[in-house]
Protein backbone atom coordinates (compact mmCIF):
# COMPACT_ATOMS: atom_id res chain seq x y z
CA UNK A 1 37.95 -17.11 41.10
CA UNK A 2 39.24 -14.05 42.96
CA UNK A 3 38.84 -10.30 42.49
CA UNK A 4 42.25 -8.81 41.78
CA UNK A 5 41.57 -5.15 40.97
CA UNK A 6 38.85 -2.50 41.22
CA UNK A 7 39.13 0.68 39.16
CA UNK A 8 36.72 3.61 39.69
CA UNK A 9 35.95 5.78 36.66
CA UNK A 10 33.85 8.98 36.68
CA UNK A 11 31.92 10.27 33.67
CA UNK A 12 30.96 13.93 33.88
CA UNK A 13 27.92 15.75 32.53
CA UNK A 14 26.66 19.30 33.20
CA UNK A 15 24.28 18.09 35.94
CA UNK A 16 25.36 14.64 37.12
CA UNK A 17 28.55 12.67 37.54
CA UNK A 18 28.29 8.92 36.96
CA UNK A 19 30.65 6.73 38.94
CA UNK A 20 31.61 3.44 37.26
CA UNK A 21 33.72 0.64 38.65
CA UNK A 22 35.62 -1.97 36.66
CA UNK A 23 36.13 -5.15 38.67
CA UNK A 24 38.80 -7.56 37.38
CA UNK A 25 39.45 -11.19 38.32
CA UNK A 26 42.33 -13.64 38.21
CA UNK A 27 40.53 -15.64 35.51
CA UNK A 28 40.25 -12.72 33.11
CA UNK A 29 36.57 -11.91 33.64
CA UNK A 30 35.72 -8.23 34.07
CA UNK A 31 32.48 -6.84 35.50
CA UNK A 32 31.17 -3.30 35.64
CA UNK A 33 28.98 -1.38 38.07
CA UNK A 34 27.73 2.20 38.11
CA UNK A 35 25.84 4.72 40.25
CA UNK A 36 24.75 8.35 40.01
CA UNK A 37 25.80 9.73 43.39
CA UNK A 38 23.96 13.02 43.82
CA UNK A 39 26.42 15.70 45.01
CA UNK A 40 28.52 13.13 46.93
CA UNK A 41 30.97 11.66 44.41
CA UNK A 42 34.00 12.26 46.63
CA UNK A 43 32.25 10.49 49.49
CA UNK A 44 31.66 7.28 47.58
CA UNK A 45 35.14 7.33 46.03
CA UNK A 46 36.62 7.78 49.49
CA UNK A 47 34.53 4.93 50.84
CA UNK A 48 35.67 2.64 48.02
CA UNK A 49 39.32 3.51 48.71
CA UNK A 50 38.88 2.05 52.20
CA UNK A 51 36.65 -0.96 51.61
CA UNK A 52 38.19 -2.29 48.39
CA UNK A 53 41.45 -3.44 50.05
CA UNK A 54 39.58 -4.41 53.22
CA UNK A 55 36.76 -6.51 51.76
CA UNK A 56 36.84 -6.75 47.97
CA UNK A 57 40.31 -7.73 46.81
CA UNK A 58 40.78 -11.48 47.07
CA UNK A 59 37.05 -12.13 47.38
CA UNK A 60 35.16 -14.58 45.19
CA UNK A 61 32.71 -12.61 43.00
CA UNK A 62 30.24 -15.52 43.26
CA UNK A 63 29.96 -15.02 47.03
CA UNK A 64 27.80 -11.91 46.98
CA UNK A 65 25.99 -12.67 50.24
CA UNK A 66 29.26 -12.96 52.16
CA UNK A 67 30.54 -9.75 50.59
CA UNK A 68 27.33 -7.88 51.49
CA UNK A 69 27.39 -9.07 55.08
CA UNK A 70 30.99 -8.00 55.55
CA UNK A 71 30.42 -4.53 54.12
CA UNK A 72 27.18 -4.02 56.05
CA UNK A 73 28.25 -5.41 59.43
CA UNK A 74 31.99 -5.64 59.99
CA UNK A 75 32.64 -1.89 60.10
CA UNK A 76 30.19 -1.64 63.03
CA UNK A 77 28.58 1.58 61.85
CA UNK A 78 25.02 2.36 60.89
CA UNK A 79 24.30 1.30 57.34
CA UNK A 80 23.77 4.38 55.19
CA UNK A 81 23.58 5.62 51.60
CA UNK A 82 27.36 5.52 51.07
CA UNK A 83 27.67 1.95 52.32
CA UNK A 84 24.80 0.75 50.16
CA UNK A 85 26.08 2.66 47.12
CA UNK A 86 29.60 1.24 47.47
CA UNK A 87 28.15 -2.23 47.92
CA UNK A 88 25.88 -1.80 44.89
CA UNK A 89 28.77 -0.74 42.66
CA UNK A 90 30.68 -3.92 43.49
CA UNK A 91 27.64 -6.20 43.66
CA UNK A 92 26.37 -5.25 40.20
CA UNK A 93 29.85 -5.87 38.79
CA UNK A 94 29.94 -9.28 40.48
CA UNK A 95 26.66 -10.27 38.83
CA UNK A 96 28.16 -9.17 35.51
CA UNK A 97 31.17 -11.41 36.16
CA UNK A 98 29.02 -14.38 37.16
CA UNK A 99 26.89 -14.08 34.05
CA UNK A 100 29.93 -13.90 31.83
CA UNK A 101 31.58 -16.85 33.54
CA UNK A 102 28.41 -18.95 33.16
CA UNK A 103 27.53 -17.53 29.72
CA UNK A 104 24.07 -16.50 30.92
CA UNK A 105 22.25 -13.16 31.25
CA UNK A 106 21.92 -12.06 34.85
CA UNK A 107 18.13 -12.32 34.92
CA UNK A 108 18.35 -16.05 34.21
CA UNK A 109 20.58 -16.48 37.25
CA UNK A 110 17.92 -14.68 39.31
CA UNK A 111 15.11 -17.08 38.40
CA UNK A 112 14.42 -16.32 34.76
CA UNK A 113 12.14 -13.92 32.94
CA UNK A 114 8.50 -13.47 33.96
CA UNK A 115 7.76 -11.03 31.11
CA UNK A 116 8.75 -10.64 27.48
CA UNK A 117 9.33 -6.88 27.56
CA UNK A 118 9.78 -4.14 30.16
CA UNK A 119 7.59 -1.04 30.29
CA UNK A 120 9.47 2.27 30.45
CA UNK A 121 8.74 5.86 31.36
CA UNK A 122 10.65 8.96 30.36
CA UNK A 123 12.24 11.47 32.72
CA UNK A 124 14.57 14.41 32.17
CA UNK A 125 12.56 15.54 29.13
CA UNK A 126 11.19 18.86 30.43
CA UNK A 127 14.36 20.99 30.35
CA UNK A 128 12.49 23.93 28.80
CA UNK A 129 10.89 27.14 30.03
CA UNK A 130 8.27 26.42 32.68
CA UNK A 131 5.27 27.43 30.59
CA UNK A 132 2.29 25.38 29.38
CA UNK A 133 3.26 25.98 25.77
CA UNK A 134 6.82 24.68 26.13
CA UNK A 135 5.85 21.73 28.33
CA UNK A 136 3.15 20.85 25.78
CA UNK A 137 5.70 20.78 22.96
CA UNK A 138 8.25 18.82 24.99
CA UNK A 139 5.66 16.22 26.02
CA UNK A 140 4.68 15.67 22.39
CA UNK A 141 8.33 14.88 21.61
CA UNK A 142 8.35 12.22 24.34
CA UNK A 143 5.33 10.50 22.84
CA UNK A 144 6.79 10.82 19.35
CA UNK A 145 9.83 8.94 20.63
CA UNK A 146 7.60 6.00 21.50
CA UNK A 147 7.03 6.39 25.25
CA UNK A 148 3.65 5.61 26.75
CA UNK A 149 4.46 7.18 30.12
CA UNK A 150 6.38 10.22 31.34
CA UNK A 151 7.19 11.79 34.70
CA UNK A 152 7.11 15.45 35.65
CA UNK A 153 7.74 17.67 38.67
CA UNK A 154 5.70 20.80 37.85
CA UNK A 155 6.16 22.48 41.24
CA UNK A 156 9.16 24.74 40.68
CA UNK A 157 11.02 25.50 43.93
CA UNK A 158 8.12 24.54 46.19
CA UNK A 159 8.91 23.54 49.78
CA UNK A 160 6.22 22.56 52.32
CA UNK A 161 3.73 25.00 50.74
CA UNK A 162 2.96 26.74 47.46
CA UNK A 163 1.32 30.09 47.00
CA UNK A 164 -1.89 30.17 44.99
CA UNK A 165 -0.23 31.42 41.81
CA UNK A 166 2.27 28.54 41.88
CA UNK A 167 -0.50 26.02 42.52
CA UNK A 168 -2.39 27.32 39.52
CA UNK A 169 0.77 27.25 37.43
CA UNK A 170 1.46 23.61 38.31
CA UNK A 171 -2.09 22.65 37.38
CA UNK A 172 -1.80 24.52 34.08
CA UNK A 173 1.40 22.64 33.23
CA UNK A 174 -0.22 19.24 33.83
CA UNK A 175 -3.31 20.31 31.88
CA UNK A 176 -1.06 21.19 28.94
CA UNK A 177 0.78 17.89 29.13
CA UNK A 178 -2.46 15.89 29.21
CA UNK A 179 -3.65 17.81 26.16
CA UNK A 180 -0.36 17.05 24.40
CA UNK A 181 -0.19 13.32 25.09
CA UNK A 182 -3.86 12.37 25.00
CA UNK A 183 -5.84 10.13 27.36
CA UNK A 184 -3.83 6.92 27.03
CA UNK A 185 -0.38 8.07 28.16
CA UNK A 186 0.51 7.84 31.86
CA UNK A 187 1.51 11.12 33.51
CA UNK A 188 3.45 10.38 36.70
CA UNK A 189 3.54 13.26 39.19
CA UNK A 190 6.85 13.75 41.00
CA UNK A 191 6.79 15.84 44.19
CA UNK A 192 10.40 15.25 45.29
CA UNK A 193 9.39 15.21 48.96
CA UNK A 194 8.54 18.90 48.78
CA UNK A 195 5.32 19.21 50.74
CA UNK A 196 3.66 18.87 54.08
CA UNK A 197 0.74 16.41 53.97
CA UNK A 198 -2.04 18.95 53.57
CA UNK A 199 -0.37 20.65 50.59
CA UNK A 200 0.41 17.32 48.95
CA UNK A 201 -3.22 16.25 49.31
CA UNK A 202 -4.52 19.57 47.99
CA UNK A 203 -2.35 19.27 44.89
CA UNK A 204 -3.45 15.67 44.41
CA UNK A 205 -7.07 16.82 44.37
CA UNK A 206 -6.28 19.64 41.96
CA UNK A 207 -4.49 17.26 39.59
CA UNK A 208 -6.91 14.33 39.89
CA UNK A 209 -8.98 15.38 36.81
CA UNK A 210 -5.91 14.74 34.65
CA UNK A 211 -5.70 11.09 35.81
CA UNK A 212 -2.10 10.93 37.09
CA UNK A 213 -0.56 7.48 37.19
CA UNK A 214 0.92 8.06 40.63
CA UNK A 215 1.91 10.68 43.17
CA UNK A 216 5.60 10.30 43.99
CA UNK A 217 7.29 11.19 47.28
CA UNK A 218 4.58 13.65 48.37
CA UNK A 219 6.33 14.42 51.70
CA UNK A 220 9.99 14.28 52.81
CA UNK A 221 11.24 10.72 53.41
CA UNK A 222 12.08 11.00 57.10
CA UNK A 223 8.53 10.91 58.49
CA UNK A 224 6.57 7.85 57.39
CA UNK A 225 3.61 8.75 59.60
CA UNK A 226 3.22 11.94 57.56
CA UNK A 227 3.38 9.85 54.38
CA UNK A 228 0.62 7.60 55.70
CA UNK A 229 -1.50 10.67 56.47
CA UNK A 230 -1.11 11.88 52.89
CA UNK A 231 -1.64 8.43 51.37
CA UNK A 232 -4.88 7.83 53.25
CA UNK A 233 -6.28 11.15 52.03
CA UNK A 234 -5.18 10.54 48.44
CA UNK A 235 -6.51 6.97 48.24
CA UNK A 236 -10.17 7.98 47.64
CA UNK A 237 -9.00 9.87 44.55
CA UNK A 238 -7.76 6.60 43.05
CA UNK A 239 -4.18 7.86 42.71
CA UNK A 240 -1.43 5.48 43.89
CA UNK A 241 1.32 6.84 46.13
CA UNK A 242 4.91 5.94 45.24
CA UNK A 243 8.06 6.48 47.29
CA UNK A 244 11.36 4.96 48.38
CA UNK A 245 14.31 6.31 46.40
CA UNK A 246 15.77 7.80 49.61
CA UNK A 247 15.34 4.66 51.68
CA UNK A 248 18.53 2.63 51.49
CA UNK A 249 18.05 -0.63 53.41
CA UNK A 250 15.36 -3.24 53.94
CA UNK A 251 15.21 -2.09 57.54
CA UNK A 252 14.21 1.41 56.37
CA UNK A 253 11.23 -0.16 54.60
CA UNK A 254 9.91 -2.08 57.60
CA UNK A 255 7.81 0.77 58.96
CA UNK A 256 6.63 1.75 55.47
CA UNK A 257 5.22 -1.74 54.91
CA UNK A 258 3.74 -2.00 58.38
CA UNK A 259 1.97 1.35 57.94
CA UNK A 260 0.89 0.37 54.40
CA UNK A 261 1.73 3.96 53.50
CA UNK A 262 2.55 3.44 49.80
CA UNK A 263 1.22 1.50 46.83
CA UNK A 264 4.45 1.51 44.82
CA UNK A 265 8.03 1.42 46.07
CA UNK A 266 10.97 2.93 44.21
CA UNK A 267 14.27 1.63 45.56
CA UNK A 268 17.31 2.74 43.61
CA UNK A 269 19.33 -0.39 42.89
CA UNK A 270 22.56 1.63 42.91
CA UNK A 271 21.90 3.04 46.40
CA UNK A 272 20.28 -0.07 47.87
CA UNK A 273 23.13 -2.56 47.86
CA UNK A 274 22.56 -3.82 44.33
CA UNK A 275 20.38 -6.30 42.52
CA UNK A 276 20.15 -8.94 45.26
CA UNK A 277 18.98 -6.47 47.91
CA UNK A 278 16.22 -5.06 45.72
CA UNK A 279 15.15 -8.56 44.67
CA UNK A 280 14.68 -9.43 48.35
CA UNK A 281 12.80 -6.19 48.98
CA UNK A 282 10.49 -6.83 46.03
CA UNK A 283 9.58 -10.26 47.38
CA UNK A 284 8.75 -8.71 50.76
CA UNK A 285 6.70 -5.96 49.08
CA UNK A 286 4.66 -8.55 47.21
CA UNK A 287 3.28 -9.82 50.52
CA UNK A 288 1.66 -6.38 50.89
CA UNK A 289 0.49 -6.28 47.22
CA UNK A 290 2.93 -3.43 46.63
CA UNK A 291 4.43 -2.89 43.18
CA UNK A 292 8.07 -2.04 42.43
CA UNK A 293 9.16 0.74 40.05
CA UNK A 294 12.92 1.15 40.57
CA UNK A 295 14.30 4.67 40.69
CA UNK A 296 16.97 5.15 38.02
CA UNK A 297 18.75 8.43 37.30
CA UNK A 298 21.87 6.58 36.24
CA UNK A 299 23.59 5.82 32.99
CA UNK A 300 23.72 2.67 30.88
CA UNK A 301 25.11 0.24 33.47
CA UNK A 302 22.56 1.06 36.16
CA UNK A 303 19.84 0.91 33.50
CA UNK A 304 21.02 -2.54 32.42
CA UNK A 305 21.02 -3.73 36.04
CA UNK A 306 17.47 -2.41 36.46
CA UNK A 307 16.30 -4.23 33.34
CA UNK A 308 17.67 -7.56 34.55
CA UNK A 309 15.84 -7.06 37.84
CA UNK A 310 12.64 -6.05 36.05
CA UNK A 311 12.78 -9.11 33.83
CA UNK A 312 12.58 -11.55 36.76
CA UNK A 313 10.46 -9.65 39.32
CA UNK A 314 6.74 -10.56 39.33
CA UNK A 315 5.52 -7.35 41.01
CA UNK A 316 7.59 -5.01 38.82
CA UNK A 317 5.56 -2.11 37.39
CA UNK A 318 7.60 0.23 35.17
CA UNK A 319 11.20 1.39 34.66
CA UNK A 320 12.44 4.99 34.82
CA UNK A 321 14.79 6.12 32.05
CA UNK A 322 16.62 9.43 31.59
CA UNK A 323 19.17 8.69 28.90
CA UNK A 324 17.05 9.28 25.81
CA UNK A 325 16.83 12.92 26.94
CA UNK A 326 20.41 13.44 28.07
CA UNK A 327 23.82 13.88 26.47
CA UNK A 328 24.31 11.25 23.75
CA UNK A 329 27.72 10.25 25.09
CA UNK A 330 26.16 8.90 28.29
CA UNK A 331 24.66 5.99 26.35
CA UNK A 332 27.94 5.57 24.46
CA UNK A 333 29.84 5.01 27.73
CA UNK A 334 28.51 1.44 27.83
CA UNK A 335 26.81 -0.08 24.82
CA UNK A 336 24.39 -2.99 24.61
CA UNK A 337 21.41 -1.63 26.57
CA UNK A 338 18.16 -2.20 24.66
CA UNK A 339 16.42 0.88 23.28
CA UNK A 340 12.86 1.88 24.17
CA UNK A 341 10.54 0.85 21.33
CA UNK A 342 6.79 1.51 21.51
CA UNK A 343 7.09 2.22 25.22
CA UNK A 344 9.05 -0.91 26.18
CA UNK A 345 12.59 -2.19 26.56
CA UNK A 346 13.32 -5.62 25.13
CA UNK A 347 14.88 -8.12 27.51
CA UNK A 348 18.67 -7.65 27.80
CA UNK A 349 20.79 -9.95 25.67
CA UNK A 350 24.23 -11.46 26.08
CA UNK A 351 26.02 -12.89 29.11
CA UNK A 352 26.20 -10.94 32.35
CA UNK A 353 24.64 -7.50 32.07
CA UNK A 354 25.06 -7.69 28.29
CA UNK A 355 26.98 -4.43 27.99
CA UNK A 356 30.45 -3.29 26.95
CA UNK A 357 32.17 -0.49 28.84
CA UNK A 358 33.80 2.21 26.69
CA UNK A 359 36.57 3.68 28.84
CA UNK A 360 37.66 6.05 26.08
CA UNK A 361 34.27 7.82 26.17
CA UNK A 362 34.56 8.18 29.95
CA UNK A 363 38.07 9.63 29.65
CA UNK A 364 36.85 12.11 27.03
CA UNK A 365 34.18 13.42 29.44
CA UNK A 366 35.80 13.80 32.86
CA UNK A 367 34.05 14.61 36.08
CA UNK A 368 32.51 18.07 36.34
CA UNK A 369 31.96 20.35 39.31
CA UNK A 370 28.20 20.37 39.64
CA UNK A 371 25.63 20.84 42.35
CA UNK A 372 22.10 19.85 41.41
CA UNK A 373 19.75 21.60 43.84
CA UNK A 374 16.11 20.66 43.33
CA UNK A 375 14.99 23.70 45.31
CA UNK A 376 16.85 26.22 43.12
CA UNK A 377 15.14 28.36 40.50
CA UNK A 378 14.97 26.57 37.13
CA UNK A 379 16.43 23.36 38.57
CA UNK A 380 14.38 21.42 36.02
CA UNK A 381 16.59 22.73 33.20
CA UNK A 382 19.41 20.76 34.89
CA UNK A 383 22.23 22.25 32.83
CA UNK A 384 21.33 25.75 33.97
CA UNK A 385 20.66 24.67 37.53
CA UNK A 386 23.92 22.78 37.97
CA UNK A 387 26.26 25.32 39.50
CA UNK A 388 30.02 25.41 39.35
CA UNK A 389 30.31 24.94 43.09
CA UNK A 390 32.58 22.06 44.05
CA UNK A 391 30.67 18.80 44.48
């Protein structure tokens, strides 16, 4: 079997563009991949325009390891986010093709299921005014939809530090959410790499009474020694530290594991070379008793890929999901992804990823000019924060 054509497709929304690829073969099998490329859609499309004729066309979709090695090594450049995103787009589509050709769901080709259902948490739900009253009401809607966990960045435009009023405001928002959801729902605190270690630790102590499920990316991703400093101070509070969405290769994770600077890792499958790469990383993490909670701000295809990985990964923890709180047409762009019921996804069904791409929906919602800036005022509203500046 040989790959004969690769077609990129971009679905636009007011705050994110989702890049899909359709990979066709000479035996009639078609696979799909997808990634949310934050503010760099042109970059990944340009990269694909070079590597598809160089490495992809004529390749056997079953030979994922060979394809990955060629894309990662033969251009003789440092492996970065664009390389790993381009690889992931193709790699996920190849798994879809293999599953269809063998009439098996992808997770069975990866070793089979180790769980009967997949725990989920909600994100993207707090697109309201940044007040305790509105966050309280929004959080109640998340629980009413069946989620047992939700994630929140309550820190506004914070960078390195927060003034006292903003610290108090963030605490008030989490207090309101805890009141709304009760004691049994996990509240996951997202810091988006905003803070220096001392501020991150101070906020962890302030929020500890509300029993957060984790503290995510407390410091910027470039300095793992700073992360270790924060993690060691937070550990006595009993709050796990999670990070990793902005680390893009296994080599980036080496120092993190050696420092034992995180309890939970969050690789994004669509920026980490695909399913195989994250499966390898998860096995390595297990040697350090580290759990895996894949980052996922993507649409239905990246969610399906994440669910197949979750199904067969022993140290998987929980899966991020945005699309119940986004534009309805995002889920319509590829159907077949299980819905969240009582806080869990069911295992995916059908061969391959188990989804059907709807190109008409994608054509009806073309790429938009957006710039999501997580340090802009009211960024959390997403639609309001996405500017009309060219991406």
